[in-house]
PDB file of N, CA and C in Angstrom:
ATOM      1  N   MET A   1     -16.213 218.420 118.234  1.00  0.00           N
ATOM      2  CA  MET A   1     -17.014 219.889 118.903  1.00  0.00           C
ATOM      3  C   MET A   1     -15.518 219.888 119.787  1.00  0.00           C
ATOM      4  N   GLU A   2     -14.679 219.725 120.473  1.00  0.00           N
ATOM      5  CA  GLU A   2     -14.057 220.811 120.974  1.00  0.00           C
ATOM      6  C   GLU A   2     -12.946 221.253 120.742  1.00  0.00           C
ATOM      7  N   SER A   3     -12.856 221.049 119.218  1.00  0.00           N
ATOM      8  CA  SER A   3     -11.668 221.941 118.699  1.00  0.00           C
ATOM      9  C   SER A   3     -11.990 223.283 118.133  1.00  0.00           C
ATOM     10  N   ASP A   4     -13.723 222.643 117.898  1.00  0.00           N
ATOM     11  CA  ASP A   4     -14.525 224.211 116.719  1.00  0.00           C
ATOM     12  C   ASP A   4     -15.723 224.473 117.888  1.00  0.00           C
ATOM     13  N   LYS A   5     -15.403 225.960 118.316  1.00  0.00           N
ATOM     14  CA  LYS A   5     -16.457 226.019 119.502  1.00  0.00           C
ATOM     15  C   LYS A   5     -17.526 226.351 118.716  1.00  0.00           C
ATOM     16  N   LYS A   6     -17.394 226.789 117.206  1.00  0.00           N
ATOM     17  CA  LYS A   6     -19.009 227.156 117.152  1.00  0.00           C
ATOM     18  C   LYS A   6     -19.943 226.814 116.451  1.00  0.00           C
ATOM     19  N   ASN A   7     -19.758 225.222 116.127  1.00  0.00           N
ATOM     20  CA  ASN A   7     -20.256 224.674 115.300  1.00  0.00           C
ATOM     21  C   ASN A   7     -21.745 224.084 116.351  1.00  0.00           C
ATOM     22  N   ALA A   8     -22.975 222.781 116.090  1.00  0.00           N
ATOM     23  CA  ALA A   8     -23.497 222.182 116.844  1.00  0.00           C
ATOM     24  C   ALA A   8     -23.805 221.208 116.761  1.00  0.00           C
ATOM     25  N   PHE A   9     -24.730 220.262 117.091  1.00  0.00           N
ATOM     26  CA  PHE A   9     -25.251 218.845 116.835  1.00  0.00           C
ATOM     27  C   PHE A   9     -26.068 218.931 117.271  1.00  0.00           C
ATOM     28  N   HIS A  10     -27.081 218.799 116.439  1.00  0.00           N
ATOM     29  CA  HIS A  10     -28.323 218.987 117.047  1.00  0.00           C
ATOM     30  C   HIS A  10     -28.560 217.056 117.151  1.00  0.00           C
ATOM     31  N   ILE A  11     -29.519 216.896 118.189  1.00  0.00           N
ATOM     32  CA  ILE A  11     -30.229 215.095 118.184  1.00  0.00           C
ATOM     33  C   ILE A  11     -31.650 215.189 118.009  1.00  0.00           C
ATOM     34  N   VAL A  12     -31.542 214.654 117.659  1.00  0.00           N
ATOM     35  CA  VAL A  12     -33.612 214.352 117.189  1.00  0.00           C
ATOM     36  C   VAL A  12     -34.054 212.814 117.120  1.00  0.00           C
ATOM     37  N   ALA A  13     -35.103 212.911 117.531  1.00  0.00           N
ATOM     38  CA  ALA A  13     -35.090 211.391 118.595  1.00  0.00           C
ATOM     39  C   ALA A  13     -36.143 211.335 117.952  1.00  0.00           C
ATOM     40  N   TYR A  14     -37.410 209.836 116.996  1.00  0.00           N
ATOM     41  CA  TYR A  14     -37.921 209.702 116.725  1.00  0.00           C
ATOM     42  C   TYR A  14     -39.026 207.911 117.613  1.00  0.00           C
ATOM     43  N   CYS A  15     -39.971 208.058 118.226  1.00  0.00           N
ATOM     44  CA  CYS A  15     -40.524 207.501 118.974  1.00  0.00           C
ATOM     45  C   CYS A  15     -42.400 206.562 118.272  1.00  0.00           C
ATOM     46  N   GLU A  16     -42.430 206.307 117.515  1.00  0.00           N
ATOM     47  CA  GLU A  16     -43.740 206.291 116.791  1.00  0.00           C
ATOM     48  C   GLU A  16     -44.910 205.938 117.840  1.00  0.00           C
ATOM     49  N   GLY A  17     -45.672 206.840 118.533  1.00  0.00           N
ATOM     50  CA  GLY A  17     -46.179 207.177 119.313  1.00  0.00           C
ATOM     51  C   GLY A  17     -46.141 207.572 120.717  1.00  0.00           C
ATOM     52  N   ASN A  18     -45.002 207.011 120.886  1.00  0.00           N
ATOM     53  CA  ASN A  18     -44.072 208.181 121.931  1.00  0.00           C
ATOM     54  C   ASN A  18     -43.258 209.193 122.111  1.00  0.00           C
ATOM     55  N   SER A  19     -44.353 210.467 122.672  1.00  0.00           N
ATOM     56  CA  SER A  19     -43.342 210.942 122.068  1.00  0.00           C
ATOM     57  C   SER A  19     -42.318 211.559 123.431  1.00  0.00           C
ATOM     58  N   GLU A  20     -42.607 211.023 124.387  1.00  0.00           N
ATOM     59  CA  GLU A  20     -42.003 210.879 126.418  1.00  0.00           C
ATOM     60  C   GLU A  20     -40.262 210.132 125.922  1.00  0.00           C
ATOM     61  N   LEU A  21     -40.964 209.259 124.964  1.00  0.00           N
ATOM     62  CA  LEU A  21     -39.254 208.414 125.127  1.00  0.00           C
ATOM     63  C   LEU A  21     -38.871 208.800 124.024  1.00  0.00           C
ATOM     64  N   ALA A  22     -39.186 209.502 123.164  1.00  0.00           N
ATOM     65  CA  ALA A  22     -37.789 209.468 122.787  1.00  0.00           C
ATOM     66  C   ALA A  22     -37.265 211.288 122.837  1.00  0.00           C
ATOM     67  N   LYS A  23     -38.253 211.573 124.119  1.00  0.00           N
ATOM     68  CA  LYS A  23     -37.416 212.994 124.927  1.00  0.00           C
ATOM     69  C   LYS A  23     -36.578 212.381 125.324  1.00  0.00           C
ATOM     70  N   ALA A  24     -36.901 211.217 126.894  1.00  0.00           N
ATOM     71  CA  ALA A  24     -35.906 210.502 126.818  1.00  0.00           C
ATOM     72  C   ALA A  24     -34.384 209.912 127.018  1.00  0.00           C
ATOM     73  N   ARG A  25     -34.810 209.495 125.667  1.00  0.00           N
ATOM     74  CA  ARG A  25     -34.191 209.125 124.525  1.00  0.00           C
ATOM     75  C   ARG A  25     -32.966 210.593 124.146  1.00  0.00           C
ATOM     76  N   ALA A  26     -33.266 211.689 123.397  1.00  0.00           N
ATOM     77  CA  ALA A  26     -32.412 212.446 123.588  1.00  0.00           C
ATOM     78  C   ALA A  26     -31.738 212.652 124.251  1.00  0.00           C
ATOM     79  N   LYS A  27     -32.192 213.634 125.430  1.00  0.00           N
ATOM     80  CA  LYS A  27     -31.240 213.423 126.840  1.00  0.00           C
ATOM     81  C   LYS A  27     -30.165 212.653 127.012  1.00  0.00           C
ATOM     82  N   HIS A  28     -30.490 211.051 127.052  1.00  0.00           N
ATOM     83  CA  HIS A  28     -29.960 209.891 127.065  1.00  0.00           C
ATOM     84  C   HIS A  28     -28.667 210.609 126.328  1.00  0.00           C
ATOM     85  N   ILE A  29     -28.407 210.650 125.787  1.00  0.00           N
ATOM     86  CA  ILE A  29     -27.715 210.794 124.628  1.00  0.00           C
ATOM     87  C   ILE A  29     -26.869 212.174 124.500  1.00  0.00           C
ATOM     88  N   ARG A  30     -27.359 213.432 124.911  1.00  0.00           N
ATOM     89  CA  ARG A  30     -26.973 214.290 125.661  1.00  0.00           C
ATOM     90  C   ARG A  30     -25.965 213.949 126.245  1.00  0.00           C
ATOM     91  N   ASN A  31     -26.540 213.697 127.268  1.00  0.00           N
ATOM     92  CA  ASN A  31     -25.810 213.365 128.600  1.00  0.00           C
ATOM     93  C   ASN A  31     -24.631 212.533 128.895  1.00  0.00           C
ATOM     94  N   TYR A  32     -24.918 211.602 128.217  1.00  0.00           N
ATOM     95  CA  TYR A  32     -23.336 210.553 127.681  1.00  0.00           C
ATOM     96  C   TYR A  32     -22.662 211.361 126.885  1.00  0.00           C
ATOM     97  N   ILE A  33     -22.918 212.491 126.145  1.00  0.00           N
ATOM     98  CA  ILE A  33     -21.926 213.124 125.282  1.00  0.00           C
ATOM     99  C   ILE A  33     -21.082 213.878 126.238  1.00  0.00           C
ATOM    100  N   LEU A  34     -21.937 214.854 126.949  1.00  0.00           N
ATOM    101  CA  LEU A  34     -21.081 215.677 127.799  1.00  0.00           C
ATOM    102  C   LEU A  34     -20.389 214.745 128.910  1.00  0.00           C
ATOM    103  N   ASN A  35     -20.743 214.070 128.693  1.00  0.00           N
ATOM    104  CA  ASN A  35     -19.981 213.485 130.535  1.00  0.00           C
ATOM    105  C   ASN A  35     -19.074 213.057 130.446  1.00  0.00           C
ATOM    106  N   ALA A  36     -18.859 212.083 128.596  1.00  0.00           N
ATOM    107  CA  ALA A  36     -18.087 212.284 127.630  1.00  0.00           C
ATOM    108  C   ALA A  36     -16.924 212.633 127.638  1.00  0.00           C
ATOM    109  N   TYR A  37     -17.184 214.625 127.237  1.00  0.00           N
ATOM    110  CA  TYR A  37     -16.182 215.550 127.046  1.00  0.00           C
ATOM    111  C   TYR A  37     -17.304 216.532 127.562  1.00  0.00           C
ATOM    112  N   PRO A  38     -16.920 216.691 128.543  1.00  0.00           N
ATOM    113  CA  PRO A  38     -17.366 217.744 129.238  1.00  0.00           C
ATOM    114  C   PRO A  38     -16.651 219.061 128.604  1.00  0.00           C
ATOM    115  N   SER A  39     -15.768 219.266 128.117  1.00  0.00           N
ATOM    116  CA  SER A  39     -15.761 220.901 127.265  1.00  0.00           C
ATOM    117  C   SER A  39     -16.774 221.342 126.798  1.00  0.00           C
ATOM    118  N   ILE A  40     -17.369 220.496 125.891  1.00  0.00           N
ATOM    119  CA  ILE A  40     -18.579 221.331 125.040  1.00  0.00           C
ATOM    120  C   ILE A  40     -19.713 221.213 126.122  1.00  0.00           C
ATOM    121  N   GLU A  41     -20.512 222.233 125.593  1.00  0.00           N
ATOM    122  CA  GLU A  41     -21.570 223.244 126.236  1.00  0.00           C
ATOM    123  C   GLU A  41     -22.185 222.650 125.877  1.00  0.00           C
ATOM    124  N   ALA A  42     -23.586 221.861 127.393  1.00  0.00           N
ATOM    125  CA  ALA A  42     -24.637 221.901 126.729  1.00  0.00           C
ATOM    126  C   ALA A  42     -25.648 222.160 125.388  1.00  0.00           C
ATOM    127  N   GLY A  43     -25.583 223.401 125.833  1.00  0.00           N
ATOM    128  CA  GLY A  43     -25.846 224.747 124.505  1.00  0.00           C
ATOM    129  C   GLY A  43     -26.408 224.616 123.381  1.00  0.00           C
ATOM    130  N   ARG A  44     -25.053 223.598 123.032  1.00  0.00           N
ATOM    131  CA  ARG A  44     -24.082 222.703 121.301  1.00  0.00           C
ATOM    132  C   ARG A  44     -24.965 221.883 121.163  1.00  0.00           C
ATOM    133  N   LEU A  45     -25.501 221.313 122.115  1.00  0.00           N
ATOM    134  CA  LEU A  45     -26.345 219.990 121.710  1.00  0.00           C
ATOM    135  C   LEU A  45     -28.367 219.884 121.697  1.00  0.00           C
ATOM    136  N   PRO A  46     -28.582 220.808 120.852  1.00  0.00           N
ATOM    137  CA  PRO A  46     -29.908 221.270 120.929  1.00  0.00           C
ATOM    138  C   PRO A  46     -30.838 219.891 120.309  1.00  0.00           C
ATOM    139  N   LEU A  47     -31.759 219.679 120.982  1.00  0.00           N
ATOM    140  CA  LEU A  47     -32.713 218.454 121.087  1.00  0.00           C
ATOM    141  C   LEU A  47     -33.814 218.554 120.272  1.00  0.00           C
ATOM    142  N   SER A  48     -34.246 217.217 119.999  1.00  0.00           N
ATOM    143  CA  SER A  48     -35.951 217.669 118.791  1.00  0.00           C
ATOM    144  C   SER A  48     -36.329 215.925 119.466  1.00  0.00           C
ATOM    145  N   TRP A  49     -37.466 216.120 119.832  1.00  0.00           N
ATOM    146  CA  TRP A  49     -38.117 214.453 119.854  1.00  0.00           C
ATOM    147  C   TRP A  49     -39.714 214.221 119.227  1.00  0.00           C
ATOM    148  N   PHE A  50     -39.698 213.426 118.836  1.00  0.00           N
ATOM    149  CA  PHE A  50     -41.474 213.881 117.960  1.00  0.00           C
ATOM    150  C   PHE A  50     -42.451 212.622 118.241  1.00  0.00           C
ATOM    151  N   GLY A  51     -43.219 212.478 118.528  1.00  0.00           N
ATOM    152  CA  GLY A  51     -43.919 210.877 119.029  1.00  0.00           C
ATOM    153  C   GLY A  51     -44.465 210.480 117.489  1.00  0.00           C
ATOM    154  N   VAL A  52     -43.783 210.099 116.149  1.00  0.00           N
ATOM    155  CA  VAL A  52     -44.156 209.713 115.298  1.00  0.00           C
ATOM    156  C   VAL A  52     -42.478 209.252 114.715  1.00  0.00           C
ATOM    157  N   ALA A  53     -42.908 208.531 113.062  1.00  0.00           N
ATOM    158  CA  ALA A  53     -42.158 207.382 113.244  1.00  0.00           C
ATOM    159  C   ALA A  53     -41.545 208.586 111.903  1.00  0.00           C
ATOM    160  N   GLU A  54     -40.015 208.153 111.669  1.00  0.00           N
ATOM    161  CA  GLU A  54     -38.962 208.980 111.270  1.00  0.00           C
ATOM    162  C   GLU A  54     -39.530 208.550 109.509  1.00  0.00           C
ATOM    163  N   GLU A  55     -39.232 209.323 108.308  1.00  0.00           N
ATOM    164  CA  GLU A  55     -39.384 208.952 107.526  1.00  0.00           C
ATOM    165  C   GLU A  55     -38.439 209.965 105.905  1.00  0.00           C
ATOM    166  N   ILE A  56     -38.114 208.564 105.774  1.00  0.00           N
ATOM    167  CA  ILE A  56     -37.447 208.750 104.789  1.00  0.00           C
ATOM    168  C   ILE A  56     -37.617 208.386 103.147  1.00  0.00           C
ATOM    169  N   ARG A  57     -37.312 209.104 102.027  1.00  0.00           N
ATOM    170  CA  ARG A  57     -37.232 208.983 101.097  1.00  0.00           C
ATOM    171  C   ARG A  57     -35.891 208.054 100.767  1.00  0.00           C
ATOM    172  N   ARG A  58     -36.051 207.716  99.161  1.00  0.00           N
ATOM    173  CA  ARG A  58     -34.766 206.786  98.336  1.00  0.00           C
ATOM    174  C   ARG A  58     -35.355 206.866  97.472  1.00  0.00           C
ATOM    175  N   GLY A  59     -35.429 207.809  96.492  1.00  0.00           N
ATOM    176  CA  GLY A  59     -35.854 207.307  94.858  1.00  0.00           C
ATOM    177  C   GLY A  59     -37.381 207.299  95.118  1.00  0.00           C
ATOM    178  N   GLU A  60     -37.950 206.588  94.777  1.00  0.00           N
ATOM    179  CA  GLU A  60     -39.322 206.890  94.339  1.00  0.00           C
ATOM    180  C   GLU A  60     -39.860 205.971  95.728  1.00  0.00           C
ATOM    181  N   ARG A  61     -39.893 205.897  96.810  1.00  0.00           N
ATOM    182  CA  ARG A  61     -40.174 205.299  98.003  1.00  0.00           C
ATOM    183  C   ARG A  61     -40.463 206.259  99.184  1.00  0.00           C
ATOM    184  N   THR A  62     -40.920 205.622  99.685  1.00  0.00           N
ATOM    185  CA  THR A  62     -40.751 206.514 101.442  1.00  0.00           C
ATOM    186  C   THR A  62     -40.045 205.195 102.687  1.00  0.00           C
ATOM    187  N   TYR A  63     -39.953 205.393 103.430  1.00  0.00           N
ATOM    188  CA  TYR A  63     -39.521 204.350 104.906  1.00  0.00           C
ATOM    189  C   TYR A  63     -39.621 205.085 105.723  1.00  0.00           C
ATOM    190  N   LYS A  64     -40.301 204.265 106.573  1.00  0.00           N
ATOM    191  CA  LYS A  64     -40.707 204.787 108.387  1.00  0.00           C
ATOM    192  C   LYS A  64     -40.366 204.122 109.210  1.00  0.00           C
ATOM    193  N   LEU A  65     -38.828 204.640 110.275  1.00  0.00           N
ATOM    194  CA  LEU A  65     -38.575 204.158 111.023  1.00  0.00           C
ATOM    195  C   LEU A  65     -39.759 204.007 112.109  1.00  0.00           C
ATOM    196  N   ASN A  66     -39.695 203.400 112.893  1.00  0.00           N
ATOM    197  CA  ASN A  66     -40.634 203.753 114.046  1.00  0.00           C
ATOM    198  C   ASN A  66     -39.892 203.692 115.037  1.00  0.00           C
ATOM    199  N   ASP A  67     -38.735 203.970 115.078  1.00  0.00           N
ATOM    200  CA  ASP A  67     -37.520 204.336 116.422  1.00  0.00           C
ATOM    201  C   ASP A  67     -36.092 204.912 115.679  1.00  0.00           C
ATOM    202  N   SER A  68     -36.176 206.053 115.982  1.00  0.00           N
ATOM    203  CA  SER A  68     -34.593 206.700 115.823  1.00  0.00           C
ATOM    204  C   SER A  68     -34.221 207.234 115.731  1.00  0.00           C
ATOM    205  N   ILE A  69     -32.875 208.047 116.086  1.00  0.00           N
ATOM    206  CA  ILE A  69     -32.258 208.712 115.913  1.00  0.00           C
ATOM    207  C   ILE A  69     -31.542 209.627 115.544  1.00  0.00           C
ATOM    208  N   ARG A  70     -31.640 211.007 115.039  1.00  0.00           N
ATOM    209  CA  ARG A  70     -30.499 211.581 113.797  1.00  0.00           C
ATOM    210  C   ARG A  70     -29.745 212.634 114.704  1.00  0.00           C
ATOM    211  N   PHE A  71     -28.740 212.617 113.855  1.00  0.00           N
ATOM    212  CA  PHE A  71     -27.737 213.626 114.237  1.00  0.00           C
ATOM    213  C   PHE A  71     -27.122 214.763 113.038  1.00  0.00           C
ATOM    214  N   ILE A  72     -27.111 215.879 113.535  1.00  0.00           N
ATOM    215  CA  ILE A  72     -27.298 216.936 112.274  1.00  0.00           C
ATOM    216  C   ILE A  72     -26.469 217.734 112.388  1.00  0.00           C
ATOM    217  N   THR A  73     -25.320 217.997 112.208  1.00  0.00           N
ATOM    218  CA  THR A  73     -24.639 218.884 112.077  1.00  0.00           C
ATOM    219  C   THR A  73     -25.004 220.376 112.112  1.00  0.00           C
ATOM    220  N   VAL A  74     -24.874 221.488 112.544  1.00  0.00           N
ATOM    221  CA  VAL A  74     -25.376 222.769 112.618  1.00  0.00           C
ATOM    222  C   VAL A  74     -24.369 222.998 112.645  1.00  0.00           C
ATOM    223  N   LEU A  75     -24.015 224.165 111.121  1.00  0.00           N
ATOM    224  CA  LEU A  75     -22.919 224.695 111.279  1.00  0.00           C
ATOM    225  C   LEU A  75     -23.301 226.428 111.307  1.00  0.00           C
ATOM    226  N   LYS A  76     -22.288 227.276 112.344  1.00  0.00           N
ATOM    227  CA  LYS A  76     -22.354 228.291 112.654  1.00  0.00           C
ATOM    228  C   LYS A  76     -21.842 229.305 111.141  1.00  0.00           C
ATOM    229  N   LYS A  77     -22.972 230.534 110.915  1.00  0.00           N
ATOM    230  CA  LYS A  77     -22.270 231.654 109.480  1.00  0.00           C
ATOM    231  C   LYS A  77     -20.669 232.152 111.125  1.00  0.00           C
ATOM    232  N   GLU A  78     -19.821 232.062 109.656  1.00  0.00           N
ATOM    233  CA  GLU A  78     -18.774 233.143 110.614  1.00  0.00           C
ATOM    234  C   GLU A  78     -19.472 234.848 109.926  1.00  0.00           C
ATOM    235  N   GLU A  79     -18.934 235.637 111.526  1.00  0.00           N
ATOM    236  CA  GLU A  79     -19.507 237.171 111.366  1.00  0.00           C
ATOM    237  C   GLU A  79     -18.352 237.613 110.228  1.00  0.00           C
ATOM    238  N   SER A  80     -18.746 238.591 109.557  1.00  0.00           N
ATOM    239  CA  SER A  80     -17.512 239.003 109.266  1.00  0.00           C
ATOM    240  C   SER A  80     -16.802 241.140 109.854  1.00  0.00           C
TER     241      SER A  80
END
């Protein structure tokens, strides 16, 4: 992220039954990254949080994770 200034890193937190805790976790992770890498702009680390379990589908089965954090790379299109 320090060398590629275009892309973003979405931090998504899930905590079943407690969206405030999920929000606090997402913010804590973002703040940790920003403190460790001060050259990264906060706007490149968008946050989302949910008060539900994260559902993961593998084959025919669906699993629920009561608490989880997901990191999603958001690639920006190059302008022509």
